[in-house]
Amino acid sequence: MRFLKYLAWSALALASALLVVGVFLPTSAHVERSIRMTASPDTVFGIVNGFRRFKEWSPWAGLDPQARYTFSGPTTGVGARMEWSSDKPEVGSGSQEITAVEPGRSVTMRLDFAGQSAATSTMVIEPTAGGSLVRWSFDTSYEGNFAMRYFGLLFDGMVGADYEKGLSRLKSIAEGAVAGQPPAAQVAPVSPGAQ
C-alpha cells in the first residue's frame, strides 16, 4: 500500500513538473527552408499559386498514391482549395486554402489538419540575378495546448527534411518550365501497329 501511495505521488509530481515546464515552452513553431533556382519568379509563382500541380512537387504525395484529392474554388489565387484524405496515418486528412497572394512574390495558405490546430504555410519568391530564391515556411500556434508545446520543440526536425525534398522537386519542375507553363511532355514515337 505504501508503494502505491509513493507511486501515485511520484506520478502527480511528474505531471505537475511537465505542466509547469510546458508553461515556459514556446507557444508556436516555425519551420523554414529555402532554395535557389534558375527559374524566374513568374514561373515559380505560376506553379505554386494553385493546387492542381501540388502532387508533382509535394514531398508527401508519394507516401500514399491512393490518397484522394478534391479541388474547389478558383483554379488559382485566393480561394483555391484542396482537400485530401488518406487511410494512412502519416498522410491523414485535411485541407489547404490560399488566403493571400502577392502576384509573382508570395502565396499564403491556411492548413487544417483533421483533429489538430490550423497552421499557415507561405511560399515567398524573391528575384535573384540568376533566377529565384524560394522560401517555404510553416507556422502554427500552441497557445493553449501545453502538451503540444513539447511536440513543437521537435517540429523543425520532423518537417524540415520534407520541406527540403519538396523544394528540390519544385526546383526541378520550375527549371523545366517556361514562364509559368508546364514543361513540354516528352513523347516517344510509336511505330505503326504497336499496341
N, C-alpha and C. Protein backbone atom coordinates (compact mmCIF):
# COMPACT_ATOMS: atom_id res chain seq x y z
N MET A 1 0.82 -1.19 0.00
CA MET A 1 0.00 0.00 0.00
C MET A 1 0.87 1.26 0.00
N ARG A 2 1.93 1.20 0.78
CA ARG A 2 2.83 2.34 0.87
C ARG A 2 3.47 2.62 -0.50
N PHE A 3 3.83 1.53 -1.20
CA PHE A 3 4.42 1.67 -2.53
C PHE A 3 3.45 2.34 -3.50
N LEU A 4 2.17 1.99 -3.45
CA LEU A 4 1.16 2.59 -4.34
C LEU A 4 1.00 4.09 -4.06
N LYS A 5 1.04 4.47 -2.79
CA LYS A 5 0.96 5.90 -2.46
C LYS A 5 2.18 6.64 -3.01
N TYR A 6 3.35 6.03 -2.83
CA TYR A 6 4.58 6.63 -3.36
C TYR A 6 4.49 6.77 -4.88
N LEU A 7 4.00 5.74 -5.54
CA LEU A 7 3.86 5.75 -7.00
C LEU A 7 2.88 6.83 -7.45
N ALA A 8 1.76 6.94 -6.76
CA ALA A 8 0.75 7.96 -7.08
C ALA A 8 1.32 9.37 -6.90
N TRP A 9 2.02 9.60 -5.78
CA TRP A 9 2.60 10.92 -5.54
C TRP A 9 3.70 11.24 -6.56
N SER A 10 4.46 10.25 -6.95
CA SER A 10 5.51 10.44 -7.96
C SER A 10 4.90 10.81 -9.31
N ALA A 11 3.85 10.11 -9.68
CA ALA A 11 3.17 10.40 -10.96
C ALA A 11 2.58 11.81 -10.93
N LEU A 12 1.99 12.20 -9.83
CA LEU A 12 1.42 13.54 -9.69
C LEU A 12 2.51 14.60 -9.77
N ALA A 13 3.65 14.35 -9.12
CA ALA A 13 4.76 15.30 -9.15
C ALA A 13 5.32 15.45 -10.56
N LEU A 14 5.45 14.31 -11.26
CA LEU A 14 5.95 14.36 -12.64
C LEU A 14 5.00 15.12 -13.54
N ALA A 15 3.71 14.84 -13.43
CA ALA A 15 2.71 15.54 -14.25
C ALA A 15 2.73 17.04 -13.96
N SER A 16 2.84 17.40 -12.70
CA SER A 16 2.90 18.82 -12.32
C SER A 16 4.14 19.49 -12.89
N ALA A 17 5.28 18.80 -12.82
CA ALA A 17 6.53 19.36 -13.36
C ALA A 17 6.42 19.56 -14.87
N LEU A 18 5.85 18.59 -15.57
CA LEU A 18 5.69 18.72 -17.02
C LEU A 18 4.77 19.89 -17.37
N LEU A 19 3.72 20.07 -16.60
CA LEU A 19 2.81 21.19 -16.84
C LEU A 19 3.50 22.52 -16.60
N VAL A 20 4.24 22.62 -15.51
CA VAL A 20 4.95 23.88 -15.19
C VAL A 20 5.97 24.19 -16.27
N VAL A 21 6.76 23.19 -16.68
CA VAL A 21 7.75 23.42 -17.74
C VAL A 21 7.04 23.81 -19.03
N GLY A 22 5.91 23.16 -19.34
CA GLY A 22 5.15 23.46 -20.56
C GLY A 22 4.71 24.91 -20.65
N VAL A 23 4.45 25.52 -19.52
CA VAL A 23 4.03 26.93 -19.49
C VAL A 23 5.13 27.83 -20.07
N PHE A 24 6.39 27.44 -19.88
CA PHE A 24 7.51 28.27 -20.31
C PHE A 24 8.07 27.90 -21.68
N LEU A 25 7.53 26.87 -22.31
CA LEU A 25 7.98 26.48 -23.65
C LEU A 25 7.40 27.43 -24.69
N PRO A 26 8.02 27.50 -25.88
CA PRO A 26 7.49 28.37 -26.94
C PRO A 26 6.02 28.03 -27.26
N THR A 27 5.24 29.08 -27.54
CA THR A 27 3.82 28.88 -27.83
C THR A 27 3.55 28.70 -29.32
N SER A 28 4.62 28.66 -30.12
CA SER A 28 4.44 28.49 -31.56
C SER A 28 5.63 27.72 -32.13
N ALA A 29 5.44 27.23 -33.34
CA ALA A 29 6.52 26.55 -34.04
C ALA A 29 6.68 27.19 -35.42
N HIS A 30 7.91 27.30 -35.86
CA HIS A 30 8.23 27.87 -37.18
C HIS A 30 9.25 26.96 -37.85
N VAL A 31 8.95 26.59 -39.09
CA VAL A 31 9.89 25.81 -39.90
C VAL A 31 10.06 26.59 -41.20
N GLU A 32 11.29 26.71 -41.66
CA GLU A 32 11.54 27.41 -42.92
C GLU A 32 12.74 26.81 -43.63
N ARG A 33 12.59 26.63 -44.93
CA ARG A 33 13.67 26.16 -45.78
C ARG A 33 13.66 27.01 -47.04
N SER A 34 14.81 27.09 -47.71
CA SER A 34 14.89 27.88 -48.95
C SER A 34 15.77 27.16 -49.96
N ILE A 35 15.59 27.58 -51.21
CA ILE A 35 16.40 27.00 -52.30
C ILE A 35 16.53 28.05 -53.41
N ARG A 36 17.67 28.05 -54.05
CA ARG A 36 17.89 28.91 -55.22
C ARG A 36 17.63 28.09 -56.47
N MET A 37 17.03 28.74 -57.47
CA MET A 37 16.77 28.06 -58.74
C MET A 37 16.91 29.05 -59.89
N THR A 38 17.14 28.52 -61.08
CA THR A 38 17.31 29.38 -62.25
C THR A 38 15.98 29.80 -62.85
N ALA A 39 14.89 29.26 -62.40
CA ALA A 39 13.57 29.64 -62.90
C ALA A 39 13.22 31.06 -62.44
N SER A 40 12.47 31.77 -63.26
CA SER A 40 12.06 33.13 -62.92
C SER A 40 10.99 33.10 -61.83
N PRO A 41 10.85 34.20 -61.09
CA PRO A 41 9.78 34.27 -60.08
C PRO A 41 8.39 34.00 -60.67
N ASP A 42 8.14 34.50 -61.89
CA ASP A 42 6.83 34.27 -62.51
C ASP A 42 6.58 32.79 -62.79
N THR A 43 7.61 32.08 -63.17
CA THR A 43 7.48 30.64 -63.43
C THR A 43 7.15 29.90 -62.13
N VAL A 44 7.90 30.20 -61.08
CA VAL A 44 7.66 29.54 -59.79
C VAL A 44 6.27 29.89 -59.28
N PHE A 45 5.92 31.15 -59.35
CA PHE A 45 4.61 31.60 -58.89
C PHE A 45 3.49 30.87 -59.64
N GLY A 46 3.66 30.69 -60.94
CA GLY A 46 2.64 30.00 -61.74
C GLY A 46 2.41 28.57 -61.29
N ILE A 47 3.41 27.96 -60.69
CA ILE A 47 3.28 26.58 -60.22
C ILE A 47 2.65 26.52 -58.83
N VAL A 48 3.02 27.43 -57.94
CA VAL A 48 2.56 27.35 -56.55
C VAL A 48 1.29 28.14 -56.26
N ASN A 49 0.78 28.91 -57.20
CA ASN A 49 -0.41 29.73 -56.99
C ASN A 49 -1.69 28.93 -57.25
N GLY A 50 -1.71 27.70 -56.86
CA GLY A 50 -2.86 26.81 -57.01
C GLY A 50 -2.42 25.42 -56.60
N PHE A 51 -3.36 24.48 -56.57
CA PHE A 51 -3.05 23.14 -56.08
C PHE A 51 -3.08 22.06 -57.15
N ARG A 52 -3.40 22.39 -58.39
CA ARG A 52 -3.53 21.38 -59.43
C ARG A 52 -2.21 20.66 -59.69
N ARG A 53 -1.09 21.32 -59.43
CA ARG A 53 0.23 20.70 -59.66
C ARG A 53 0.92 20.35 -58.34
N PHE A 54 0.23 20.48 -57.24
CA PHE A 54 0.83 20.25 -55.93
C PHE A 54 1.40 18.84 -55.79
N LYS A 55 0.69 17.86 -56.30
CA LYS A 55 1.17 16.48 -56.17
C LYS A 55 2.48 16.25 -56.92
N GLU A 56 2.78 17.07 -57.93
CA GLU A 56 4.03 16.92 -58.68
C GLU A 56 5.25 17.24 -57.83
N TRP A 57 5.12 18.20 -56.93
CA TRP A 57 6.28 18.61 -56.15
C TRP A 57 6.12 18.37 -54.64
N SER A 58 4.95 17.95 -54.20
CA SER A 58 4.71 17.71 -52.78
C SER A 58 5.61 16.60 -52.25
N PRO A 59 6.24 16.82 -51.10
CA PRO A 59 7.06 15.76 -50.51
C PRO A 59 6.23 14.63 -49.91
N TRP A 60 4.93 14.83 -49.80
CA TRP A 60 4.06 13.84 -49.16
C TRP A 60 3.24 13.02 -50.16
N ALA A 61 3.19 13.43 -51.41
CA ALA A 61 2.34 12.75 -52.39
C ALA A 61 2.70 11.27 -52.54
N GLY A 62 3.97 10.93 -52.46
CA GLY A 62 4.40 9.55 -52.64
C GLY A 62 4.13 8.65 -51.44
N LEU A 63 3.77 9.24 -50.30
CA LEU A 63 3.51 8.43 -49.11
C LEU A 63 2.26 7.57 -49.26
N ASP A 64 1.29 8.06 -50.04
CA ASP A 64 0.08 7.29 -50.28
C ASP A 64 -0.46 7.61 -51.67
N PRO A 65 -0.05 6.84 -52.68
CA PRO A 65 -0.55 7.08 -54.03
C PRO A 65 -2.07 6.93 -54.13
N GLN A 66 -2.69 6.29 -53.15
CA GLN A 66 -4.15 6.09 -53.16
C GLN A 66 -4.91 7.22 -52.45
N ALA A 67 -4.20 8.22 -51.95
CA ALA A 67 -4.87 9.35 -51.28
C ALA A 67 -5.83 10.01 -52.25
N ARG A 68 -6.93 10.49 -51.70
CA ARG A 68 -7.96 11.14 -52.52
C ARG A 68 -7.83 12.66 -52.38
N TYR A 69 -7.89 13.36 -53.51
CA TYR A 69 -7.77 14.82 -53.52
C TYR A 69 -9.03 15.40 -54.15
N THR A 70 -9.51 16.50 -53.55
CA THR A 70 -10.68 17.22 -54.07
C THR A 70 -10.29 18.69 -54.18
N PHE A 71 -10.61 19.30 -55.32
CA PHE A 71 -10.29 20.70 -55.54
C PHE A 71 -11.59 21.49 -55.61
N SER A 72 -11.57 22.71 -55.05
CA SER A 72 -12.75 23.57 -55.13
C SER A 72 -12.28 25.02 -55.20
N GLY A 73 -13.23 25.90 -55.48
CA GLY A 73 -12.91 27.32 -55.61
C GLY A 73 -12.23 27.59 -56.94
N PRO A 74 -11.64 28.76 -57.08
CA PRO A 74 -10.94 29.07 -58.34
C PRO A 74 -9.71 28.15 -58.51
N THR A 75 -9.25 28.03 -59.73
CA THR A 75 -8.08 27.18 -60.01
C THR A 75 -6.82 27.75 -59.38
N THR A 76 -6.71 29.07 -59.37
CA THR A 76 -5.53 29.73 -58.79
C THR A 76 -5.98 30.89 -57.92
N GLY A 77 -5.07 31.37 -57.11
CA GLY A 77 -5.30 32.57 -56.31
C GLY A 77 -6.12 32.33 -55.06
N VAL A 78 -6.50 33.44 -54.43
CA VAL A 78 -7.25 33.40 -53.18
C VAL A 78 -8.54 32.60 -53.37
N GLY A 79 -8.77 31.67 -52.45
CA GLY A 79 -9.96 30.83 -52.51
C GLY A 79 -9.73 29.47 -53.12
N ALA A 80 -8.60 29.28 -53.83
CA ALA A 80 -8.29 27.95 -54.36
C ALA A 80 -8.11 27.02 -53.17
N ARG A 81 -8.73 25.85 -53.25
CA ARG A 81 -8.75 24.95 -52.09
C ARG A 81 -8.52 23.51 -52.52
N MET A 82 -7.79 22.79 -51.68
CA MET A 82 -7.56 21.37 -51.90
C MET A 82 -7.82 20.63 -50.60
N GLU A 83 -8.56 19.54 -50.70
CA GLU A 83 -8.77 18.67 -49.54
C GLU A 83 -8.15 17.33 -49.87
N TRP A 84 -7.57 16.67 -48.85
CA TRP A 84 -7.01 15.34 -49.06
C TRP A 84 -7.51 14.41 -47.98
N SER A 85 -7.54 13.14 -48.34
CA SER A 85 -7.98 12.12 -47.39
C SER A 85 -7.20 10.85 -47.67
N SER A 86 -6.66 10.27 -46.62
CA SER A 86 -5.86 9.05 -46.76
C SER A 86 -6.15 8.13 -45.59
N ASP A 87 -6.09 6.85 -45.85
CA ASP A 87 -6.24 5.86 -44.79
C ASP A 87 -4.93 5.68 -44.02
N LYS A 88 -3.85 6.21 -44.55
CA LYS A 88 -2.55 6.09 -43.88
C LYS A 88 -2.39 7.23 -42.87
N PRO A 89 -2.08 6.89 -41.61
CA PRO A 89 -1.97 7.92 -40.57
C PRO A 89 -0.89 8.96 -40.85
N GLU A 90 0.18 8.59 -41.55
CA GLU A 90 1.24 9.56 -41.81
C GLU A 90 0.83 10.63 -42.82
N VAL A 91 -0.26 10.38 -43.56
CA VAL A 91 -0.80 11.36 -44.51
C VAL A 91 -2.03 12.01 -43.91
N GLY A 92 -2.93 11.21 -43.35
CA GLY A 92 -4.12 11.72 -42.69
C GLY A 92 -5.08 12.42 -43.63
N SER A 93 -5.83 13.34 -43.08
CA SER A 93 -6.83 14.11 -43.84
C SER A 93 -6.72 15.56 -43.46
N GLY A 94 -7.15 16.42 -44.36
CA GLY A 94 -7.13 17.84 -44.08
C GLY A 94 -7.42 18.65 -45.32
N SER A 95 -7.11 19.94 -45.22
CA SER A 95 -7.33 20.83 -46.35
C SER A 95 -6.33 21.98 -46.30
N GLN A 96 -6.15 22.59 -47.45
CA GLN A 96 -5.39 23.83 -47.51
C GLN A 96 -6.05 24.75 -48.51
N GLU A 97 -6.02 26.02 -48.17
CA GLU A 97 -6.68 27.03 -48.99
C GLU A 97 -5.80 28.26 -49.08
N ILE A 98 -5.69 28.80 -50.29
CA ILE A 98 -4.91 30.03 -50.48
C ILE A 98 -5.69 31.19 -49.89
N THR A 99 -5.04 31.92 -48.98
CA THR A 99 -5.70 33.03 -48.29
C THR A 99 -5.15 34.40 -48.69
N ALA A 100 -3.96 34.43 -49.26
CA ALA A 100 -3.36 35.71 -49.67
C ALA A 100 -2.36 35.45 -50.78
N VAL A 101 -2.30 36.39 -51.71
CA VAL A 101 -1.39 36.28 -52.85
C VAL A 101 -0.80 37.64 -53.13
N GLU A 102 0.50 37.67 -53.37
CA GLU A 102 1.16 38.85 -53.91
C GLU A 102 1.73 38.40 -55.24
N PRO A 103 1.10 38.76 -56.36
CA PRO A 103 1.48 38.22 -57.67
C PRO A 103 2.99 38.25 -57.93
N GLY A 104 3.50 37.07 -58.29
CA GLY A 104 4.91 36.92 -58.59
C GLY A 104 5.82 36.91 -57.38
N ARG A 105 5.26 37.10 -56.16
CA ARG A 105 6.10 37.24 -54.96
C ARG A 105 5.79 36.25 -53.84
N SER A 106 4.50 35.99 -53.57
CA SER A 106 4.20 35.10 -52.43
C SER A 106 2.80 34.51 -52.53
N VAL A 107 2.66 33.35 -51.88
CA VAL A 107 1.37 32.67 -51.75
C VAL A 107 1.28 32.20 -50.31
N THR A 108 0.19 32.56 -49.63
CA THR A 108 -0.03 32.16 -48.24
C THR A 108 -1.24 31.24 -48.19
N MET A 109 -1.10 30.13 -47.45
CA MET A 109 -2.16 29.13 -47.37
C MET A 109 -2.50 28.83 -45.91
N ARG A 110 -3.77 28.57 -45.68
CA ARG A 110 -4.22 28.08 -44.37
C ARG A 110 -4.32 26.56 -44.47
N LEU A 111 -3.68 25.87 -43.53
CA LEU A 111 -3.71 24.41 -43.48
C LEU A 111 -4.57 23.98 -42.29
N ASP A 112 -5.47 23.06 -42.55
CA ASP A 112 -6.28 22.47 -41.48
C ASP A 112 -6.05 20.97 -41.50
N PHE A 113 -5.50 20.46 -40.44
CA PHE A 113 -5.28 19.02 -40.31
C PHE A 113 -6.40 18.47 -39.44
N ALA A 114 -7.09 17.45 -39.91
CA ALA A 114 -8.22 16.89 -39.18
C ALA A 114 -7.80 16.55 -37.75
N GLY A 115 -8.55 17.09 -36.80
CA GLY A 115 -8.28 16.79 -35.40
C GLY A 115 -7.14 17.57 -34.78
N GLN A 116 -6.53 18.50 -35.52
CA GLN A 116 -5.41 19.27 -34.99
C GLN A 116 -5.68 20.75 -35.23
N SER A 117 -4.78 21.58 -34.74
CA SER A 117 -4.94 23.02 -34.92
C SER A 117 -4.57 23.43 -36.33
N ALA A 118 -5.03 24.60 -36.71
CA ALA A 118 -4.73 25.15 -38.04
C ALA A 118 -3.31 25.70 -38.06
N ALA A 119 -2.78 25.84 -39.26
CA ALA A 119 -1.43 26.36 -39.44
C ALA A 119 -1.41 27.23 -40.69
N THR A 120 -0.30 27.93 -40.88
CA THR A 120 -0.11 28.77 -42.05
C THR A 120 1.16 28.34 -42.76
N SER A 121 1.06 28.23 -44.08
CA SER A 121 2.22 27.90 -44.91
C SER A 121 2.37 29.04 -45.93
N THR A 122 3.61 29.48 -46.13
CA THR A 122 3.85 30.59 -47.05
C THR A 122 5.02 30.27 -47.97
N MET A 123 4.83 30.56 -49.24
CA MET A 123 5.91 30.47 -50.24
C MET A 123 6.25 31.90 -50.64
N VAL A 124 7.48 32.30 -50.38
CA VAL A 124 7.96 33.63 -50.76
C VAL A 124 8.99 33.45 -51.87
N ILE A 125 8.81 34.18 -52.95
CA ILE A 125 9.68 34.07 -54.13
C ILE A 125 10.38 35.41 -54.32
N GLU A 126 11.71 35.38 -54.24
CA GLU A 126 12.49 36.60 -54.40
C GLU A 126 13.31 36.51 -55.68
N PRO A 127 13.29 37.57 -56.51
CA PRO A 127 14.11 37.55 -57.72
C PRO A 127 15.60 37.62 -57.36
N THR A 128 16.41 36.89 -58.09
CA THR A 128 17.86 36.94 -57.93
C THR A 128 18.46 37.17 -59.31
N ALA A 129 19.76 37.43 -59.35
CA ALA A 129 20.42 37.68 -60.63
C ALA A 129 20.29 36.48 -61.57
N GLY A 130 20.29 35.27 -61.01
CA GLY A 130 20.22 34.09 -61.86
C GLY A 130 18.89 33.38 -61.87
N GLY A 131 17.86 33.96 -61.24
CA GLY A 131 16.56 33.31 -61.20
C GLY A 131 15.75 33.70 -59.99
N SER A 132 15.62 32.76 -59.03
CA SER A 132 14.77 33.00 -57.86
C SER A 132 15.34 32.35 -56.61
N LEU A 133 15.02 32.95 -55.49
CA LEU A 133 15.23 32.34 -54.19
C LEU A 133 13.83 32.07 -53.65
N VAL A 134 13.52 30.81 -53.35
CA VAL A 134 12.19 30.43 -52.87
C VAL A 134 12.31 30.00 -51.42
N ARG A 135 11.50 30.64 -50.55
CA ARG A 135 11.47 30.29 -49.13
C ARG A 135 10.08 29.72 -48.82
N TRP A 136 10.07 28.54 -48.21
CA TRP A 136 8.82 27.88 -47.83
C TRP A 136 8.79 27.80 -46.31
N SER A 137 7.76 28.37 -45.71
CA SER A 137 7.69 28.38 -44.25
C SER A 137 6.36 27.80 -43.75
N PHE A 138 6.39 27.35 -42.51
CA PHE A 138 5.24 26.77 -41.83
C PHE A 138 5.18 27.36 -40.44
N ASP A 139 4.02 27.85 -40.05
CA ASP A 139 3.85 28.43 -38.72
C ASP A 139 2.56 27.91 -38.08
N THR A 140 2.66 27.55 -36.81
CA THR A 140 1.48 27.12 -36.07
C THR A 140 1.60 27.58 -34.63
N SER A 141 0.47 27.69 -33.96
CA SER A 141 0.43 28.16 -32.57
C SER A 141 -0.06 27.04 -31.66
N TYR A 142 0.57 26.96 -30.49
CA TYR A 142 0.17 26.01 -29.44
C TYR A 142 -0.23 26.79 -28.19
N GLU A 143 -0.77 27.97 -28.39
CA GLU A 143 -1.05 28.90 -27.30
C GLU A 143 -1.66 28.24 -26.06
N GLY A 144 -2.76 27.52 -26.20
CA GLY A 144 -3.42 26.96 -25.03
C GLY A 144 -3.17 25.48 -24.82
N ASN A 145 -2.25 24.90 -25.57
CA ASN A 145 -2.03 23.46 -25.50
C ASN A 145 -0.61 23.17 -25.01
N PHE A 146 -0.48 22.93 -23.72
CA PHE A 146 0.84 22.73 -23.13
C PHE A 146 1.51 21.47 -23.64
N ALA A 147 0.75 20.41 -23.87
CA ALA A 147 1.33 19.16 -24.36
C ALA A 147 1.92 19.34 -25.76
N MET A 148 1.22 20.08 -26.63
CA MET A 148 1.71 20.28 -27.99
C MET A 148 2.96 21.16 -28.03
N ARG A 149 3.19 21.92 -26.99
CA ARG A 149 4.41 22.74 -26.94
C ARG A 149 5.66 21.86 -26.93
N TYR A 150 5.58 20.71 -26.28
CA TYR A 150 6.69 19.75 -26.32
C TYR A 150 6.89 19.24 -27.74
N PHE A 151 5.80 18.94 -28.41
CA PHE A 151 5.83 18.50 -29.80
C PHE A 151 6.46 19.58 -30.68
N GLY A 152 6.14 20.84 -30.39
CA GLY A 152 6.67 21.95 -31.16
C GLY A 152 8.19 22.03 -31.15
N LEU A 153 8.80 21.54 -30.07
CA LEU A 153 10.26 21.54 -29.98
C LEU A 153 10.89 20.62 -31.03
N LEU A 154 10.16 19.61 -31.47
CA LEU A 154 10.67 18.63 -32.42
C LEU A 154 10.25 18.92 -33.86
N PHE A 155 9.41 19.92 -34.04
CA PHE A 155 8.77 20.13 -35.33
C PHE A 155 9.73 20.41 -36.47
N ASP A 156 10.75 21.23 -36.24
CA ASP A 156 11.69 21.55 -37.31
C ASP A 156 12.39 20.30 -37.83
N GLY A 157 12.79 19.45 -36.92
CA GLY A 157 13.45 18.20 -37.32
C GLY A 157 12.53 17.26 -38.05
N MET A 158 11.24 17.30 -37.73
CA MET A 158 10.29 16.39 -38.35
C MET A 158 9.84 16.87 -39.72
N VAL A 159 9.65 18.16 -39.90
CA VAL A 159 9.10 18.71 -41.13
C VAL A 159 10.17 19.29 -42.06
N GLY A 160 11.28 19.72 -41.50
CA GLY A 160 12.32 20.38 -42.29
C GLY A 160 12.80 19.56 -43.47
N ALA A 161 13.04 18.28 -43.27
CA ALA A 161 13.52 17.42 -44.36
C ALA A 161 12.47 17.29 -45.46
N ASP A 162 11.20 17.26 -45.08
CA ASP A 162 10.12 17.20 -46.08
C ASP A 162 10.10 18.48 -46.91
N TYR A 163 10.27 19.62 -46.26
CA TYR A 163 10.29 20.89 -46.98
C TYR A 163 11.47 20.94 -47.96
N GLU A 164 12.62 20.43 -47.54
CA GLU A 164 13.78 20.40 -48.43
C GLU A 164 13.50 19.53 -49.66
N LYS A 165 12.87 18.39 -49.44
CA LYS A 165 12.52 17.48 -50.54
C LYS A 165 11.52 18.15 -51.48
N GLY A 166 10.51 18.80 -50.93
CA GLY A 166 9.51 19.48 -51.75
C GLY A 166 10.12 20.61 -52.57
N LEU A 167 10.99 21.39 -51.96
CA LEU A 167 11.64 22.49 -52.69
C LEU A 167 12.53 21.95 -53.81
N SER A 168 13.21 20.85 -53.56
CA SER A 168 14.05 20.25 -54.60
C SER A 168 13.19 19.80 -55.79
N ARG A 169 12.04 19.20 -55.51
CA ARG A 169 11.13 18.79 -56.58
C ARG A 169 10.58 20.01 -57.32
N LEU A 170 10.21 21.04 -56.57
CA LEU A 170 9.71 22.27 -57.19
C LEU A 170 10.77 22.87 -58.10
N LYS A 171 12.01 22.86 -57.67
CA LYS A 171 13.11 23.38 -58.49
C LYS A 171 13.20 22.62 -59.81
N SER A 172 13.13 21.31 -59.76
CA SER A 172 13.21 20.51 -61.00
C SER A 172 12.09 20.84 -61.96
N ILE A 173 10.89 20.99 -61.42
CA ILE A 173 9.74 21.31 -62.27
C ILE A 173 9.85 22.72 -62.83
N ALA A 174 10.17 23.69 -61.97
CA ALA A 174 10.23 25.09 -62.40
C ALA A 174 11.34 25.33 -63.41
N GLU A 175 12.49 24.68 -63.22
CA GLU A 175 13.59 24.89 -64.16
C GLU A 175 13.31 24.22 -65.50
N GLY A 176 12.34 23.31 -65.55
CA GLY A 176 11.95 22.70 -66.81
C GLY A 176 10.77 23.39 -67.46
N ALA A 177 10.25 24.42 -66.83
CA ALA A 177 9.06 25.12 -67.33
C ALA A 177 9.44 26.42 -68.01
N VAL A 178 8.49 26.99 -68.74
CA VAL A 178 8.68 28.27 -69.39
C VAL A 178 7.62 29.23 -68.90
N ALA A 179 8.03 30.26 -68.16
CA ALA A 179 7.16 31.33 -67.69
C ALA A 179 5.79 30.88 -67.20
N GLY A 180 5.79 29.99 -66.21
CA GLY A 180 4.54 29.60 -65.59
C GLY A 180 3.79 28.49 -66.30
N GLN A 181 4.29 28.01 -67.40
CA GLN A 181 3.64 26.93 -68.14
C GLN A 181 4.29 25.61 -67.77
N PRO A 182 3.54 24.51 -67.83
CA PRO A 182 4.16 23.22 -67.54
C PRO A 182 5.18 22.87 -68.60
N PRO A 183 6.22 22.08 -68.23
CA PRO A 183 7.21 21.70 -69.23
C PRO A 183 6.56 20.85 -70.32
N ALA A 184 7.12 20.93 -71.50
CA ALA A 184 6.58 20.16 -72.62
C ALA A 184 6.70 18.68 -72.32
N ALA A 185 5.68 17.93 -72.68
CA ALA A 185 5.70 16.48 -72.43
C ALA A 185 6.69 15.82 -73.38
N GLN A 186 7.39 14.83 -72.86
CA GLN A 186 8.32 14.06 -73.69
C GLN A 186 7.55 12.86 -74.23
N VAL A 187 7.36 12.83 -75.53
CA VAL A 187 6.59 11.76 -76.14
C VAL A 187 7.51 10.91 -77.00
N ALA A 188 7.51 9.62 -76.73
CA ALA A 188 8.31 8.70 -77.53
C ALA A 188 7.52 8.30 -78.76
N PRO A 189 8.18 8.23 -79.92
CA PRO A 189 7.45 7.82 -81.13
C PRO A 189 6.97 6.39 -81.00
N VAL A 190 5.82 6.12 -81.57
CA VAL A 190 5.24 4.78 -81.55
C VAL A 190 5.19 4.29 -82.98
N SER A 191 5.72 3.09 -83.21
CA SER A 191 5.71 2.56 -84.57
C SER A 191 4.30 2.08 -84.92
N PRO A 192 3.90 2.21 -86.19
CA PRO A 192 2.57 1.78 -86.60
C PRO A 192 2.35 0.31 -86.26
N GLY A 193 1.15 0.03 -85.78
CA GLY A 193 0.79 -1.33 -85.45
C GLY A 193 1.18 -1.75 -84.05
N ALA A 194 1.97 -0.94 -83.34
CA ALA A 194 2.38 -1.30 -81.97
C ALA A 194 1.24 -0.94 -81.03
N GLN A 195 0.85 -1.85 -80.21
CA GLN A 195 -0.24 -1.59 -79.27
C GLN A 195 0.23 -1.88 -77.87
